[in-house]
Amino acid sequence: MGRLPGALGGPLALFAQELPVDEVATHTFPFAEARAVFDLAHDRAVASKILLDLTRA
């Protein structure tokens, strides 16, 4: 596995803190609308940071 287990410790700790992302996210979609996320992501004039919310169906 190499360095993988140690390399994930920092990023996983940040995810656990539930950092506020509303200030940087331009759009949030529920998982059921995943196709729309990829369609929107192609238009950089409209979307910058798009979140796919896995907690909503």
PDB file of N, CA and C in Angstrom:
ATOM      1  N   MET A   1       0.806  -1.192   0.000  1.00  0.00           N
ATOM      2  CA  MET A   1       0.000   0.000   0.000  1.00  0.00           C
ATOM      3  C   MET A   1       0.850   1.258   0.000  1.00  0.00           C
ATOM      4  N   GLY A   2       2.076   1.190   0.293  1.00  0.00           N
ATOM      5  CA  GLY A   2       2.955   2.346   0.244  1.00  0.00           C
ATOM      6  C   GLY A   2       2.572   3.418   1.244  1.00  0.00           C
ATOM      7  N   ARG A   3       2.521   4.654   0.777  1.00  0.00           N
ATOM      8  CA  ARG A   3       2.253   5.792   1.650  1.00  0.00           C
ATOM      9  C   ARG A   3       0.770   6.107   1.791  1.00  0.00           C
ATOM     10  N   LEU A   4      -0.083   5.404   1.137  1.00  0.00           N
ATOM     11  CA  LEU A   4      -1.501   5.738   1.115  1.00  0.00           C
ATOM     12  C   LEU A   4      -2.132   5.905   2.496  1.00  0.00           C
ATOM     13  N   PRO A   5      -2.006   4.965   3.433  1.00  0.00           N
ATOM     14  CA  PRO A   5      -2.673   5.153   4.728  1.00  0.00           C
ATOM     15  C   PRO A   5      -2.256   6.439   5.445  1.00  0.00           C
ATOM     16  N   GLY A   6      -0.988   6.751   5.458  1.00  0.00           N
ATOM     17  CA  GLY A   6      -0.515   7.972   6.110  1.00  0.00           C
ATOM     18  C   GLY A   6      -0.902   9.230   5.356  1.00  0.00           C
ATOM     19  N   ALA A   7      -0.978   9.138   4.047  1.00  0.00           N
ATOM     20  CA  ALA A   7      -1.288  10.300   3.225  1.00  0.00           C
ATOM     21  C   ALA A   7      -2.727  10.751   3.395  1.00  0.00           C
ATOM     22  N   LEU A   8      -3.608   9.865   3.783  1.00  0.00           N
ATOM     23  CA  LEU A   8      -5.024  10.218   3.908  1.00  0.00           C
ATOM     24  C   LEU A   8      -5.384  10.793   5.266  1.00  0.00           C
ATOM     25  N   GLY A   9      -4.520  10.687   6.232  1.00  0.00           N
ATOM     26  CA  GLY A   9      -4.832  11.153   7.578  1.00  0.00           C
ATOM     27  C   GLY A   9      -5.211  12.619   7.642  1.00  0.00           C
ATOM     28  N   GLY A  10      -4.441  13.494   7.029  1.00  0.00           N
ATOM     29  CA  GLY A  10      -4.727  14.927   7.049  1.00  0.00           C
ATOM     30  C   GLY A  10      -6.041  15.279   6.371  1.00  0.00           C
ATOM     31  N   PRO A  11      -6.235  14.867   5.111  1.00  0.00           N
ATOM     32  CA  PRO A  11      -7.497  15.177   4.436  1.00  0.00           C
ATOM     33  C   PRO A  11      -8.716  14.590   5.138  1.00  0.00           C
ATOM     34  N   LEU A  12      -8.601  13.379   5.671  1.00  0.00           N
ATOM     35  CA  LEU A  12      -9.741  12.782   6.378  1.00  0.00           C
ATOM     36  C   LEU A  12     -10.077  13.564   7.639  1.00  0.00           C
ATOM     37  N   ALA A  13      -9.078  14.082   8.315  1.00  0.00           N
ATOM     38  CA  ALA A  13      -9.318  14.890   9.512  1.00  0.00           C
ATOM     39  C   ALA A  13     -10.066  16.168   9.140  1.00  0.00           C
ATOM     40  N   LEU A  14      -9.738  16.763   7.998  1.00  0.00           N
ATOM     41  CA  LEU A  14     -10.449  17.962   7.555  1.00  0.00           C
ATOM     42  C   LEU A  14     -11.905  17.659   7.237  1.00  0.00           C
ATOM     43  N   PHE A  15     -12.162  16.545   6.586  1.00  0.00           N
ATOM     44  CA  PHE A  15     -13.547  16.158   6.289  1.00  0.00           C
ATOM     45  C   PHE A  15     -14.338  15.949   7.580  1.00  0.00           C
ATOM     46  N   ALA A  16     -13.709  15.393   8.581  1.00  0.00           N
ATOM     47  CA  ALA A  16     -14.388  15.127   9.846  1.00  0.00           C
ATOM     48  C   ALA A  16     -14.792  16.409  10.558  1.00  0.00           C
ATOM     49  N   GLN A  17     -14.121  17.525  10.260  1.00  0.00           N
ATOM     50  CA  GLN A  17     -14.432  18.803  10.896  1.00  0.00           C
ATOM     51  C   GLN A  17     -15.680  19.458  10.319  1.00  0.00           C
ATOM     52  N   GLU A  18     -16.206  18.918   9.247  1.00  0.00           N
ATOM     53  CA  GLU A  18     -17.379  19.484   8.582  1.00  0.00           C
ATOM     54  C   GLU A  18     -17.182  20.978   8.316  1.00  0.00           C
ATOM     55  N   LEU A  19     -16.145  21.288   7.583  1.00  0.00           N
ATOM     56  CA  LEU A  19     -15.829  22.679   7.267  1.00  0.00           C
ATOM     57  C   LEU A  19     -16.934  23.320   6.442  1.00  0.00           C
ATOM     58  N   PRO A  20     -17.212  24.604   6.670  1.00  0.00           N
ATOM     59  CA  PRO A  20     -18.244  25.281   5.884  1.00  0.00           C
ATOM     60  C   PRO A  20     -17.782  25.447   4.437  1.00  0.00           C
ATOM     61  N   VAL A  21     -18.570  24.950   3.519  1.00  0.00           N
ATOM     62  CA  VAL A  21     -18.200  25.055   2.111  1.00  0.00           C
ATOM     63  C   VAL A  21     -19.153  25.960   1.337  1.00  0.00           C
ATOM     64  N   ASP A  22     -20.177  26.458   2.015  1.00  0.00           N
ATOM     65  CA  ASP A  22     -21.170  27.300   1.354  1.00  0.00           C
ATOM     66  C   ASP A  22     -20.553  28.545   0.722  1.00  0.00           C
ATOM     67  N   GLU A  23     -19.476  29.042   1.293  1.00  0.00           N
ATOM     68  CA  GLU A  23     -18.855  30.263   0.791  1.00  0.00           C
ATOM     69  C   GLU A  23     -18.134  30.060  -0.538  1.00  0.00           C
ATOM     70  N   VAL A  24     -17.723  28.843  -0.829  1.00  0.00           N
ATOM     71  CA  VAL A  24     -16.990  28.594  -2.068  1.00  0.00           C
ATOM     72  C   VAL A  24     -17.777  27.774  -3.088  1.00  0.00           C
ATOM     73  N   ALA A  25     -18.800  27.070  -2.631  1.00  0.00           N
ATOM     74  CA  ALA A  25     -19.595  26.240  -3.542  1.00  0.00           C
ATOM     75  C   ALA A  25     -20.561  27.115  -4.324  1.00  0.00           C
ATOM     76  N   THR A  26     -20.583  26.939  -5.631  1.00  0.00           N
ATOM     77  CA  THR A  26     -21.522  27.699  -6.457  1.00  0.00           C
ATOM     78  C   THR A  26     -22.832  26.949  -6.634  1.00  0.00           C
ATOM     79  N   HIS A  27     -22.799  25.627  -6.515  1.00  0.00           N
ATOM     80  CA  HIS A  27     -23.998  24.801  -6.682  1.00  0.00           C
ATOM     81  C   HIS A  27     -23.889  23.552  -5.812  1.00  0.00           C
ATOM     82  N   THR A  28     -25.042  23.063  -5.337  1.00  0.00           N
ATOM     83  CA  THR A  28     -25.112  21.803  -4.602  1.00  0.00           C
ATOM     84  C   THR A  28     -26.271  20.995  -5.156  1.00  0.00           C
ATOM     85  N   PHE A  29     -26.006  19.733  -5.447  1.00  0.00           N
ATOM     86  CA  PHE A  29     -27.027  18.845  -6.011  1.00  0.00           C
ATOM     87  C   PHE A  29     -27.141  17.584  -5.177  1.00  0.00           C
ATOM     88  N   PRO A  30     -28.350  17.041  -5.035  1.00  0.00           N
ATOM     89  CA  PRO A  30     -28.491  15.735  -4.399  1.00  0.00           C
ATOM     90  C   PRO A  30     -27.965  14.651  -5.340  1.00  0.00           C
ATOM     91  N   PHE A  31     -27.649  13.502  -4.789  1.00  0.00           N
ATOM     92  CA  PHE A  31     -27.087  12.411  -5.588  1.00  0.00           C
ATOM     93  C   PHE A  31     -27.988  12.027  -6.755  1.00  0.00           C
ATOM     94  N   ALA A  32     -29.285  12.115  -6.565  1.00  0.00           N
ATOM     95  CA  ALA A  32     -30.228  11.740  -7.630  1.00  0.00           C
ATOM     96  C   ALA A  32     -30.069  12.605  -8.875  1.00  0.00           C
ATOM     97  N   GLU A  33     -29.454  13.777  -8.721  1.00  0.00           N
ATOM     98  CA  GLU A  33     -29.256  14.683  -9.854  1.00  0.00           C
ATOM     99  C   GLU A  33     -27.794  14.723 -10.303  1.00  0.00           C
ATOM    100  N   ALA A  34     -27.083  13.627 -10.093  1.00  0.00           N
ATOM    101  CA  ALA A  34     -25.662  13.570 -10.410  1.00  0.00           C
ATOM    102  C   ALA A  34     -25.375  13.912 -11.870  1.00  0.00           C
ATOM    103  N   ARG A  35     -26.229  13.508 -12.770  1.00  0.00           N
ATOM    104  CA  ARG A  35     -26.015  13.807 -14.195  1.00  0.00           C
ATOM    105  C   ARG A  35     -25.961  15.322 -14.428  1.00  0.00           C
ATOM    106  N   ALA A  36     -26.813  16.056 -13.741  1.00  0.00           N
ATOM    107  CA  ALA A  36     -26.835  17.515 -13.877  1.00  0.00           C
ATOM    108  C   ALA A  36     -25.524  18.143 -13.410  1.00  0.00           C
ATOM    109  N   VAL A  37     -24.895  17.529 -12.412  1.00  0.00           N
ATOM    110  CA  VAL A  37     -23.612  18.031 -11.920  1.00  0.00           C
ATOM    111  C   VAL A  37     -22.576  18.003 -13.037  1.00  0.00           C
ATOM    112  N   PHE A  38     -22.495  16.900 -13.734  1.00  0.00           N
ATOM    113  CA  PHE A  38     -21.508  16.774 -14.801  1.00  0.00           C
ATOM    114  C   PHE A  38     -21.847  17.664 -15.992  1.00  0.00           C
ATOM    115  N   ASP A  39     -23.130  17.830 -16.269  1.00  0.00           N
ATOM    116  CA  ASP A  39     -23.529  18.733 -17.348  1.00  0.00           C
ATOM    117  C   ASP A  39     -23.145  20.170 -17.019  1.00  0.00           C
ATOM    118  N   LEU A  40     -23.386  20.598 -15.793  1.00  0.00           N
ATOM    119  CA  LEU A  40     -23.088  21.961 -15.371  1.00  0.00           C
ATOM    120  C   LEU A  40     -21.586  22.203 -15.255  1.00  0.00           C
ATOM    121  N   ALA A  41     -20.844  21.209 -14.864  1.00  0.00           N
ATOM    122  CA  ALA A  41     -19.405  21.359 -14.657  1.00  0.00           C
ATOM    123  C   ALA A  41     -18.669  21.750 -15.937  1.00  0.00           C
ATOM    124  N   HIS A  42     -19.249  21.479 -17.070  1.00  0.00           N
ATOM    125  CA  HIS A  42     -18.606  21.843 -18.340  1.00  0.00           C
ATOM    126  C   HIS A  42     -18.663  23.341 -18.611  1.00  0.00           C
ATOM    127  N   ASP A  43     -19.527  24.062 -17.924  1.00  0.00           N
ATOM    128  CA  ASP A  43     -19.691  25.499 -18.163  1.00  0.00           C
ATOM    129  C   ASP A  43     -19.002  26.292 -17.058  1.00  0.00           C
ATOM    130  N   ARG A  44     -17.742  26.632 -17.252  1.00  0.00           N
ATOM    131  CA  ARG A  44     -16.951  27.348 -16.256  1.00  0.00           C
ATOM    132  C   ARG A  44     -17.442  28.783 -16.032  1.00  0.00           C
ATOM    133  N   ALA A  45     -18.198  29.325 -16.943  1.00  0.00           N
ATOM    134  CA  ALA A  45     -18.739  30.681 -16.770  1.00  0.00           C
ATOM    135  C   ALA A  45     -19.852  30.695 -15.723  1.00  0.00           C
ATOM    136  N   VAL A  46     -20.454  29.542 -15.464  1.00  0.00           N
ATOM    137  CA  VAL A  46     -21.585  29.452 -14.540  1.00  0.00           C
ATOM    138  C   VAL A  46     -21.197  28.778 -13.235  1.00  0.00           C
ATOM    139  N   ALA A  47     -20.390  27.744 -13.300  1.00  0.00           N
ATOM    140  CA  ALA A  47     -20.091  26.946 -12.120  1.00  0.00           C
ATOM    141  C   ALA A  47     -18.591  26.902 -11.853  1.00  0.00           C
ATOM    142  N   SER A  48     -18.253  26.970 -10.578  1.00  0.00           N
ATOM    143  CA  SER A  48     -16.860  26.879 -10.178  1.00  0.00           C
ATOM    144  C   SER A  48     -16.636  25.651  -9.291  1.00  0.00           C
ATOM    145  N   LYS A  49     -17.313  25.608  -8.171  1.00  0.00           N
ATOM    146  CA  LYS A  49     -17.214  24.477  -7.238  1.00  0.00           C
ATOM    147  C   LYS A  49     -18.600  23.891  -7.067  1.00  0.00           C
ATOM    148  N   ILE A  50     -18.794  22.681  -7.532  1.00  0.00           N
ATOM    149  CA  ILE A  50     -20.094  22.017  -7.462  1.00  0.00           C
ATOM    150  C   ILE A  50     -19.991  20.860  -6.491  1.00  0.00           C
ATOM    151  N   LEU A  51     -20.931  20.791  -5.559  1.00  0.00           N
ATOM    152  CA  LEU A  51     -20.946  19.716  -4.583  1.00  0.00           C
ATOM    153  C   LEU A  51     -22.030  18.704  -4.937  1.00  0.00           C
ATOM    154  N   LEU A  52     -21.678  17.450  -4.819  1.00  0.00           N
ATOM    155  CA  LEU A  52     -22.637  16.364  -4.967  1.00  0.00           C
ATOM    156  C   LEU A  52     -22.935  15.867  -3.560  1.00  0.00           C
ATOM    157  N   ASP A  53     -24.129  16.172  -3.055  1.00  0.00           N
ATOM    158  CA  ASP A  53     -24.523  15.856  -1.701  1.00  0.00           C
ATOM    159  C   ASP A  53     -24.964  14.406  -1.611  1.00  0.00           C
ATOM    160  N   LEU A  54     -24.143  13.570  -1.012  1.00  0.00           N
ATOM    161  CA  LEU A  54     -24.435  12.143  -0.905  1.00  0.00           C
ATOM    162  C   LEU A  54     -25.404  11.833   0.239  1.00  0.00           C
ATOM    163  N   THR A  55     -25.735  12.842   1.036  1.00  0.00           N
ATOM    164  CA  THR A  55     -26.657  12.607   2.153  1.00  0.00           C
ATOM    165  C   THR A  55     -28.113  12.782   1.721  1.00  0.00           C
ATOM    166  N   ARG A  56     -28.330  13.340   0.526  1.00  0.00           N
ATOM    167  CA  ARG A  56     -29.685  13.510  -0.002  1.00  0.00           C
ATOM    168  C   ARG A  56     -29.832  12.642  -1.237  1.00  0.00           C
ATOM    169  N   ALA A  57     -30.968  11.983  -1.361  1.00  0.00           N
ATOM    170  CA  ALA A  57     -31.205  11.096  -2.510  1.00  0.00           C
ATOM    171  C   ALA A  57     -31.620  11.864  -3.738  1.00  0.00           C
TER     172      ALA A  57
END
